[in-house]
Amino acid sequence: MSQLVNDKHYTVAEVSESWALSKDTIRRIFLVEEGVLKIVRPGTRYKRSHTTLRIPDSVMRRVHARMCGKVA
């Protein structure tokens, strides 16, 4: 777990640009991934909820390896 704290964290937009995928696709991939920092602002009667994701470098590499069929 301490490695995740020391990792560089990427925004959805940064990963999206790097992987040449849409921001929505990156959100769907990483929303349920273990180790991703999720900052949640709950919804109110007048505003919908919002979740901000920060993706650690090690998690991004693990998911990339898994998607490429490599053992991580």
PDB file of N, CA and C in Angstrom:
ATOM      1  N   MET A   1       0.816  -1.192   0.000  1.00  0.00           N
ATOM      2  CA  MET A   1       0.000   0.000   0.000  1.00  0.00           C
ATOM      3  C   MET A   1       0.861   1.258   0.000  1.00  0.00           C
ATOM      4  N   SER A   2       2.016   1.235   0.663  1.00  0.00           N
ATOM      5  CA  SER A   2       2.859   2.426   0.735  1.00  0.00           C
ATOM      6  C   SER A   2       3.368   2.828  -0.647  1.00  0.00           C
ATOM      7  N   GLN A   3       3.500   1.861  -1.560  1.00  0.00           N
ATOM      8  CA  GLN A   3       3.942   2.194  -2.903  1.00  0.00           C
ATOM      9  C   GLN A   3       2.912   3.087  -3.598  1.00  0.00           C
ATOM     10  N   LEU A   4       1.621   2.838  -3.366  1.00  0.00           N
ATOM     11  CA  LEU A   4       0.580   3.643  -3.985  1.00  0.00           C
ATOM     12  C   LEU A   4       0.676   5.102  -3.565  1.00  0.00           C
ATOM     13  N   VAL A   5       1.064   5.339  -2.316  1.00  0.00           N
ATOM     14  CA  VAL A   5       1.185   6.706  -1.818  1.00  0.00           C
ATOM     15  C   VAL A   5       2.319   7.435  -2.528  1.00  0.00           C
ATOM     16  N   ASN A   6       3.406   6.733  -2.807  1.00  0.00           N
ATOM     17  CA  ASN A   6       4.575   7.339  -3.437  1.00  0.00           C
ATOM     18  C   ASN A   6       4.475   7.425  -4.954  1.00  0.00           C
ATOM     19  N   ASP A   7       3.527   6.720  -5.548  1.00  0.00           N
ATOM     20  CA  ASP A   7       3.351   6.742  -7.004  1.00  0.00           C
ATOM     21  C   ASP A   7       2.885   8.107  -7.485  1.00  0.00           C
ATOM     22  N   LYS A   8       3.261   8.431  -8.722  1.00  0.00           N
ATOM     23  CA  LYS A   8       2.660   9.591  -9.380  1.00  0.00           C
ATOM     24  C   LYS A   8       1.209   9.218  -9.674  1.00  0.00           C
ATOM     25  N   HIS A   9       0.298  10.141  -9.450  1.00  0.00           N
ATOM     26  CA  HIS A   9      -1.120   9.914  -9.713  1.00  0.00           C
ATOM     27  C   HIS A   9      -1.529  10.694 -10.958  1.00  0.00           C
ATOM     28  N   TYR A  10      -2.281  10.038 -11.834  1.00  0.00           N
ATOM     29  CA  TYR A  10      -2.714  10.635 -13.086  1.00  0.00           C
ATOM     30  C   TYR A  10      -4.203  10.947 -13.045  1.00  0.00           C
ATOM     31  N   THR A  11      -4.595  11.968 -13.786  1.00  0.00           N
ATOM     32  CA  THR A  11      -6.011  12.277 -13.937  1.00  0.00           C
ATOM     33  C   THR A  11      -6.595  11.391 -15.035  1.00  0.00           C
ATOM     34  N   VAL A  12      -7.899  11.340 -15.100  1.00  0.00           N
ATOM     35  CA  VAL A  12      -8.570  10.599 -16.170  1.00  0.00           C
ATOM     36  C   VAL A  12      -8.159  11.176 -17.523  1.00  0.00           C
ATOM     37  N   ALA A  13      -8.070  12.491 -17.618  1.00  0.00           N
ATOM     38  CA  ALA A  13      -7.702  13.136 -18.885  1.00  0.00           C
ATOM     39  C   ALA A  13      -6.289  12.748 -19.321  1.00  0.00           C
ATOM     40  N   GLU A  14      -5.361  12.667 -18.377  1.00  0.00           N
ATOM     41  CA  GLU A  14      -3.983  12.301 -18.715  1.00  0.00           C
ATOM     42  C   GLU A  14      -3.902  10.865 -19.230  1.00  0.00           C
ATOM     43  N   VAL A  15      -4.586   9.950 -18.569  1.00  0.00           N
ATOM     44  CA  VAL A  15      -4.577   8.550 -19.012  1.00  0.00           C
ATOM     45  C   VAL A  15      -5.304   8.429 -20.352  1.00  0.00           C
ATOM     46  N   SER A  16      -6.389   9.157 -20.491  1.00  0.00           N
ATOM     47  CA  SER A  16      -7.154   9.148 -21.735  1.00  0.00           C
ATOM     48  C   SER A  16      -6.291   9.569 -22.920  1.00  0.00           C
ATOM     49  N   GLU A  17      -5.542  10.626 -22.746  1.00  0.00           N
ATOM     50  CA  GLU A  17      -4.667  11.111 -23.819  1.00  0.00           C
ATOM     51  C   GLU A  17      -3.543  10.122 -24.098  1.00  0.00           C
ATOM     52  N   SER A  18      -2.956   9.576 -23.037  1.00  0.00           N
ATOM     53  CA  SER A  18      -1.848   8.640 -23.172  1.00  0.00           C
ATOM     54  C   SER A  18      -2.272   7.356 -23.878  1.00  0.00           C
ATOM     55  N   TRP A  19      -3.450   6.861 -23.544  1.00  0.00           N
ATOM     56  CA  TRP A  19      -3.929   5.596 -24.114  1.00  0.00           C
ATOM     57  C   TRP A  19      -4.761   5.782 -25.376  1.00  0.00           C
ATOM     58  N   ALA A  20      -5.035   7.023 -25.761  1.00  0.00           N
ATOM     59  CA  ALA A  20      -5.856   7.333 -26.941  1.00  0.00           C
ATOM     60  C   ALA A  20      -7.245   6.705 -26.839  1.00  0.00           C
ATOM     61  N   LEU A  21      -7.833   6.833 -25.655  1.00  0.00           N
ATOM     62  CA  LEU A  21      -9.201   6.373 -25.403  1.00  0.00           C
ATOM     63  C   LEU A  21      -9.999   7.543 -24.845  1.00  0.00           C
ATOM     64  N   SER A  22     -11.320   7.441 -24.912  1.00  0.00           N
ATOM     65  CA  SER A  22     -12.150   8.526 -24.389  1.00  0.00           C
ATOM     66  C   SER A  22     -12.083   8.574 -22.865  1.00  0.00           C
ATOM     67  N   LYS A  23     -12.394   9.732 -22.313  1.00  0.00           N
ATOM     68  CA  LYS A  23     -12.424   9.892 -20.857  1.00  0.00           C
ATOM     69  C   LYS A  23     -13.471   8.969 -20.237  1.00  0.00           C
ATOM     70  N   ASP A  24     -14.600   8.809 -20.904  1.00  0.00           N
ATOM     71  CA  ASP A  24     -15.643   7.914 -20.379  1.00  0.00           C
ATOM     72  C   ASP A  24     -15.163   6.471 -20.302  1.00  0.00           C
ATOM     73  N   THR A  25     -14.423   6.031 -21.301  1.00  0.00           N
ATOM     74  CA  THR A  25     -13.879   4.667 -21.295  1.00  0.00           C
ATOM     75  C   THR A  25     -12.895   4.487 -20.147  1.00  0.00           C
ATOM     76  N   ILE A  26     -12.018   5.463 -19.950  1.00  0.00           N
ATOM     77  CA  ILE A  26     -11.044   5.389 -18.855  1.00  0.00           C
ATOM     78  C   ILE A  26     -11.762   5.367 -17.512  1.00  0.00           C
ATOM     79  N   ARG A  27     -12.794   6.187 -17.340  1.00  0.00           N
ATOM     80  CA  ARG A  27     -13.567   6.181 -16.089  1.00  0.00           C
ATOM     81  C   ARG A  27     -14.179   4.803 -15.824  1.00  0.00           C
ATOM     82  N   ARG A  28     -14.759   4.198 -16.866  1.00  0.00           N
ATOM     83  CA  ARG A  28     -15.376   2.874 -16.704  1.00  0.00           C
ATOM     84  C   ARG A  28     -14.334   1.822 -16.329  1.00  0.00           C
ATOM     85  N   ILE A  29     -13.164   1.896 -16.930  1.00  0.00           N
ATOM     86  CA  ILE A  29     -12.099   0.920 -16.655  1.00  0.00           C
ATOM     87  C   ILE A  29     -11.618   1.039 -15.216  1.00  0.00           C
ATOM     88  N   PHE A  30     -11.387   2.268 -14.744  1.00  0.00           N
ATOM     89  CA  PHE A  30     -10.717   2.468 -13.456  1.00  0.00           C
ATOM     90  C   PHE A  30     -11.654   2.693 -12.272  1.00  0.00           C
ATOM     91  N   LEU A  31     -12.933   2.910 -12.493  1.00  0.00           N
ATOM     92  CA  LEU A  31     -13.850   3.210 -11.395  1.00  0.00           C
ATOM     93  C   LEU A  31     -13.895   2.095 -10.357  1.00  0.00           C
ATOM     94  N   VAL A  32     -13.817   0.866 -10.778  1.00  0.00           N
ATOM     95  CA  VAL A  32     -13.912  -0.274  -9.852  1.00  0.00           C
ATOM     96  C   VAL A  32     -12.553  -0.918  -9.571  1.00  0.00           C
ATOM     97  N   GLU A  33     -11.490  -0.297 -10.053  1.00  0.00           N
ATOM     98  CA  GLU A  33     -10.155  -0.885  -9.903  1.00  0.00           C
ATOM     99  C   GLU A  33      -9.586  -0.630  -8.510  1.00  0.00           C
ATOM    100  N   GLU A  34      -9.027  -1.668  -7.913  1.00  0.00           N
ATOM    101  CA  GLU A  34      -8.391  -1.584  -6.589  1.00  0.00           C
ATOM    102  C   GLU A  34      -7.199  -0.632  -6.634  1.00  0.00           C
ATOM    103  N   GLY A  35      -7.110   0.279  -5.676  1.00  0.00           N
ATOM    104  CA  GLY A  35      -5.977   1.175  -5.546  1.00  0.00           C
ATOM    105  C   GLY A  35      -6.183   2.555  -6.136  1.00  0.00           C
ATOM    106  N   VAL A  36      -7.273   2.759  -6.870  1.00  0.00           N
ATOM    107  CA  VAL A  36      -7.561   4.072  -7.453  1.00  0.00           C
ATOM    108  C   VAL A  36      -8.156   4.973  -6.376  1.00  0.00           C
ATOM    109  N   LEU A  37      -7.653   6.196  -6.286  1.00  0.00           N
ATOM    110  CA  LEU A  37      -8.167   7.160  -5.329  1.00  0.00           C
ATOM    111  C   LEU A  37      -9.461   7.737  -5.874  1.00  0.00           C
ATOM    112  N   LYS A  38     -10.550   7.595  -5.101  1.00  0.00           N
ATOM    113  CA  LYS A  38     -11.857   8.091  -5.510  1.00  0.00           C
ATOM    114  C   LYS A  38     -12.290   9.180  -4.535  1.00  0.00           C
ATOM    115  N   ILE A  39     -12.472  10.387  -5.039  1.00  0.00           N
ATOM    116  CA  ILE A  39     -12.929  11.511  -4.228  1.00  0.00           C
ATOM    117  C   ILE A  39     -14.381  11.751  -4.614  1.00  0.00           C
ATOM    118  N   VAL A  40     -15.293  11.498  -3.673  1.00  0.00           N
ATOM    119  CA  VAL A  40     -16.725  11.546  -3.966  1.00  0.00           C
ATOM    120  C   VAL A  40     -17.357  12.767  -3.320  1.00  0.00           C
ATOM    121  N   ARG A  41     -18.067  13.532  -4.131  1.00  0.00           N
ATOM    122  CA  ARG A  41     -18.904  14.601  -3.611  1.00  0.00           C
ATOM    123  C   ARG A  41     -20.346  14.117  -3.748  1.00  0.00           C
ATOM    124  N   PRO A  42     -20.998  13.854  -2.623  1.00  0.00           N
ATOM    125  CA  PRO A  42     -22.357  13.317  -2.699  1.00  0.00           C
ATOM    126  C   PRO A  42     -23.326  14.325  -3.324  1.00  0.00           C
ATOM    127  N   GLY A  43     -24.334  13.791  -3.920  1.00  0.00           N
ATOM    128  CA  GLY A  43     -25.346  14.645  -4.526  1.00  0.00           C
ATOM    129  C   GLY A  43     -26.257  15.262  -3.469  1.00  0.00           C
ATOM    130  N   THR A  44     -26.882  16.336  -3.856  1.00  0.00           N
ATOM    131  CA  THR A  44     -27.888  16.979  -3.006  1.00  0.00           C
ATOM    132  C   THR A  44     -29.197  16.989  -3.786  1.00  0.00           C
ATOM    133  N   ARG A  45     -30.141  17.654  -3.227  1.00  0.00           N
ATOM    134  CA  ARG A  45     -31.437  17.746  -3.899  1.00  0.00           C
ATOM    135  C   ARG A  45     -31.305  18.467  -5.245  1.00  0.00           C
ATOM    136  N   TYR A  46     -30.343  19.383  -5.344  1.00  0.00           N
ATOM    137  CA  TYR A  46     -30.216  20.218  -6.538  1.00  0.00           C
ATOM    138  C   TYR A  46     -28.994  19.917  -7.399  1.00  0.00           C
ATOM    139  N   LYS A  47     -28.043  19.177  -6.855  1.00  0.00           N
ATOM    140  CA  LYS A  47     -26.833  18.853  -7.614  1.00  0.00           C
ATOM    141  C   LYS A  47     -26.611  17.352  -7.614  1.00  0.00           C
ATOM    142  N   ARG A  48     -26.164  16.845  -8.737  1.00  0.00           N
ATOM    143  CA  ARG A  48     -25.864  15.418  -8.791  1.00  0.00           C
ATOM    144  C   ARG A  48     -24.508  15.144  -8.148  1.00  0.00           C
ATOM    145  N   SER A  49     -24.274  13.895  -7.802  1.00  0.00           N
ATOM    146  CA  SER A  49     -22.999  13.525  -7.180  1.00  0.00           C
ATOM    147  C   SER A  49     -21.883  13.573  -8.228  1.00  0.00           C
ATOM    148  N   HIS A  50     -20.670  13.664  -7.738  1.00  0.00           N
ATOM    149  CA  HIS A  50     -19.521  13.733  -8.632  1.00  0.00           C
ATOM    150  C   HIS A  50     -18.373  12.939  -8.017  1.00  0.00           C
ATOM    151  N   THR A  51     -17.709  12.110  -8.810  1.00  0.00           N
ATOM    152  CA  THR A  51     -16.564  11.336  -8.351  1.00  0.00           C
ATOM    153  C   THR A  51     -15.339  11.716  -9.178  1.00  0.00           C
ATOM    154  N   THR A  52     -14.278  12.119  -8.484  1.00  0.00           N
ATOM    155  CA  THR A  52     -13.004  12.438  -9.115  1.00  0.00           C
ATOM    156  C   THR A  52     -12.073  11.251  -8.915  1.00  0.00           C
ATOM    157  N   LEU A  53     -11.416  10.819  -9.977  1.00  0.00           N
ATOM    158  CA  LEU A  53     -10.489   9.689  -9.888  1.00  0.00           C
ATOM    159  C   LEU A  53      -9.059  10.174 -10.038  1.00  0.00           C
ATOM    160  N   ARG A  54      -8.166   9.596  -9.234  1.00  0.00           N
ATOM    161  CA  ARG A  54      -6.726   9.785  -9.377  1.00  0.00           C
ATOM    162  C   ARG A  54      -6.129   8.387  -9.473  1.00  0.00           C
ATOM    163  N   ILE A  55      -5.406   8.138 -10.553  1.00  0.00           N
ATOM    164  CA  ILE A  55      -4.948   6.798 -10.890  1.00  0.00           C
ATOM    165  C   ILE A  55      -3.440   6.696 -10.653  1.00  0.00           C
ATOM    166  N   PRO A  56      -3.022   5.894  -9.660  1.00  0.00           N
ATOM    167  CA  PRO A  56      -1.591   5.719  -9.401  1.00  0.00           C
ATOM    168  C   PRO A  56      -0.892   5.034 -10.584  1.00  0.00           C
ATOM    169  N   ASP A  57       0.366   5.368 -10.778  1.00  0.00           N
ATOM    170  CA  ASP A  57       1.157   4.813 -11.866  1.00  0.00           C
ATOM    171  C   ASP A  57       1.166   3.286 -11.837  1.00  0.00           C
ATOM    172  N   SER A  58       1.352   2.699 -10.656  1.00  0.00           N
ATOM    173  CA  SER A  58       1.419   1.231 -10.563  1.00  0.00           C
ATOM    174  C   SER A  58       0.095   0.579 -10.950  1.00  0.00           C
ATOM    175  N   VAL A  59      -1.020   1.212 -10.614  1.00  0.00           N
ATOM    176  CA  VAL A  59      -2.335   0.677 -10.987  1.00  0.00           C
ATOM    177  C   VAL A  59      -2.528   0.796 -12.495  1.00  0.00           C
ATOM    178  N   MET A  60      -2.132   1.924 -13.061  1.00  0.00           N
ATOM    179  CA  MET A  60      -2.250   2.118 -14.500  1.00  0.00           C
ATOM    180  C   MET A  60      -1.437   1.063 -15.247  1.00  0.00           C
ATOM    181  N   ARG A  61      -0.226   0.789 -14.788  1.00  0.00           N
ATOM    182  CA  ARG A  61       0.622  -0.229 -15.431  1.00  0.00           C
ATOM    183  C   ARG A  61       0.021  -1.636 -15.280  1.00  0.00           C
ATOM    184  N   ARG A  62      -0.541  -1.926 -14.104  1.00  0.00           N
ATOM    185  CA  ARG A  62      -1.152  -3.233 -13.865  1.00  0.00           C
ATOM    186  C   ARG A  62      -2.335  -3.458 -14.808  1.00  0.00           C
ATOM    187  N   VAL A  63      -3.192  -2.461 -14.939  1.00  0.00           N
ATOM    188  CA  VAL A  63      -4.363  -2.579 -15.815  1.00  0.00           C
ATOM    189  C   VAL A  63      -3.918  -2.696 -17.261  1.00  0.00           C
ATOM    190  N   HIS A  64      -2.933  -1.922 -17.654  1.00  0.00           N
ATOM    191  CA  HIS A  64      -2.433  -1.981 -19.035  1.00  0.00           C
ATOM    192  C   HIS A  64      -1.880  -3.376 -19.343  1.00  0.00           C
ATOM    193  N   ALA A  65      -1.110  -3.920 -18.421  1.00  0.00           N
ATOM    194  CA  ALA A  65      -0.552  -5.262 -18.629  1.00  0.00           C
ATOM    195  C   ALA A  65      -1.671  -6.306 -18.731  1.00  0.00           C
ATOM    196  N   ARG A  66      -2.667  -6.184 -17.882  1.00  0.00           N
ATOM    197  CA  ARG A  66      -3.801  -7.131 -17.902  1.00  0.00           C
ATOM    198  C   ARG A  66      -4.559  -7.018 -19.219  1.00  0.00           C
ATOM    199  N   MET A  67      -4.759  -5.797 -19.696  1.00  0.00           N
ATOM    200  CA  MET A  67      -5.508  -5.611 -20.938  1.00  0.00           C
ATOM    201  C   MET A  67      -4.722  -6.083 -22.163  1.00  0.00           C
ATOM    202  N   CYS A  68      -3.405  -6.065 -22.047  1.00  0.00           N
ATOM    203  CA  CYS A  68      -2.549  -6.528 -23.155  1.00  0.00           C
ATOM    204  C   CYS A  68      -2.317  -8.048 -23.095  1.00  0.00           C
ATOM    205  N   GLY A  69      -2.848  -8.691 -22.056  1.00  0.00           N
ATOM    206  CA  GLY A  69      -2.684 -10.131 -21.915  1.00  0.00           C
ATOM    207  C   GLY A  69      -1.405 -10.548 -21.239  1.00  0.00           C
ATOM    208  N   LYS A  70      -0.698  -9.592 -20.646  1.00  0.00           N
ATOM    209  CA  LYS A  70       0.536  -9.907 -19.928  1.00  0.00           C
ATOM    210  C   LYS A  70       0.211 -10.159 -18.476  1.00  0.00           C
ATOM    211  N   VAL A  71       1.019 -10.982 -17.818  1.00  0.00           N
ATOM    212  CA  VAL A  71       0.829 -11.250 -16.393  1.00  0.00           C
ATOM    213  C   VAL A  71       1.455 -10.103 -15.614  1.00  0.00           C
ATOM    214  N   ALA A  72       0.666  -9.517 -14.702  1.00  0.00           N
ATOM    215  CA  ALA A  72       1.182  -8.382 -13.918  1.00  0.00           C
ATOM    216  C   ALA A  72       1.623  -8.826 -12.553  1.00  0.00           C
TER     217      ALA A  72
END
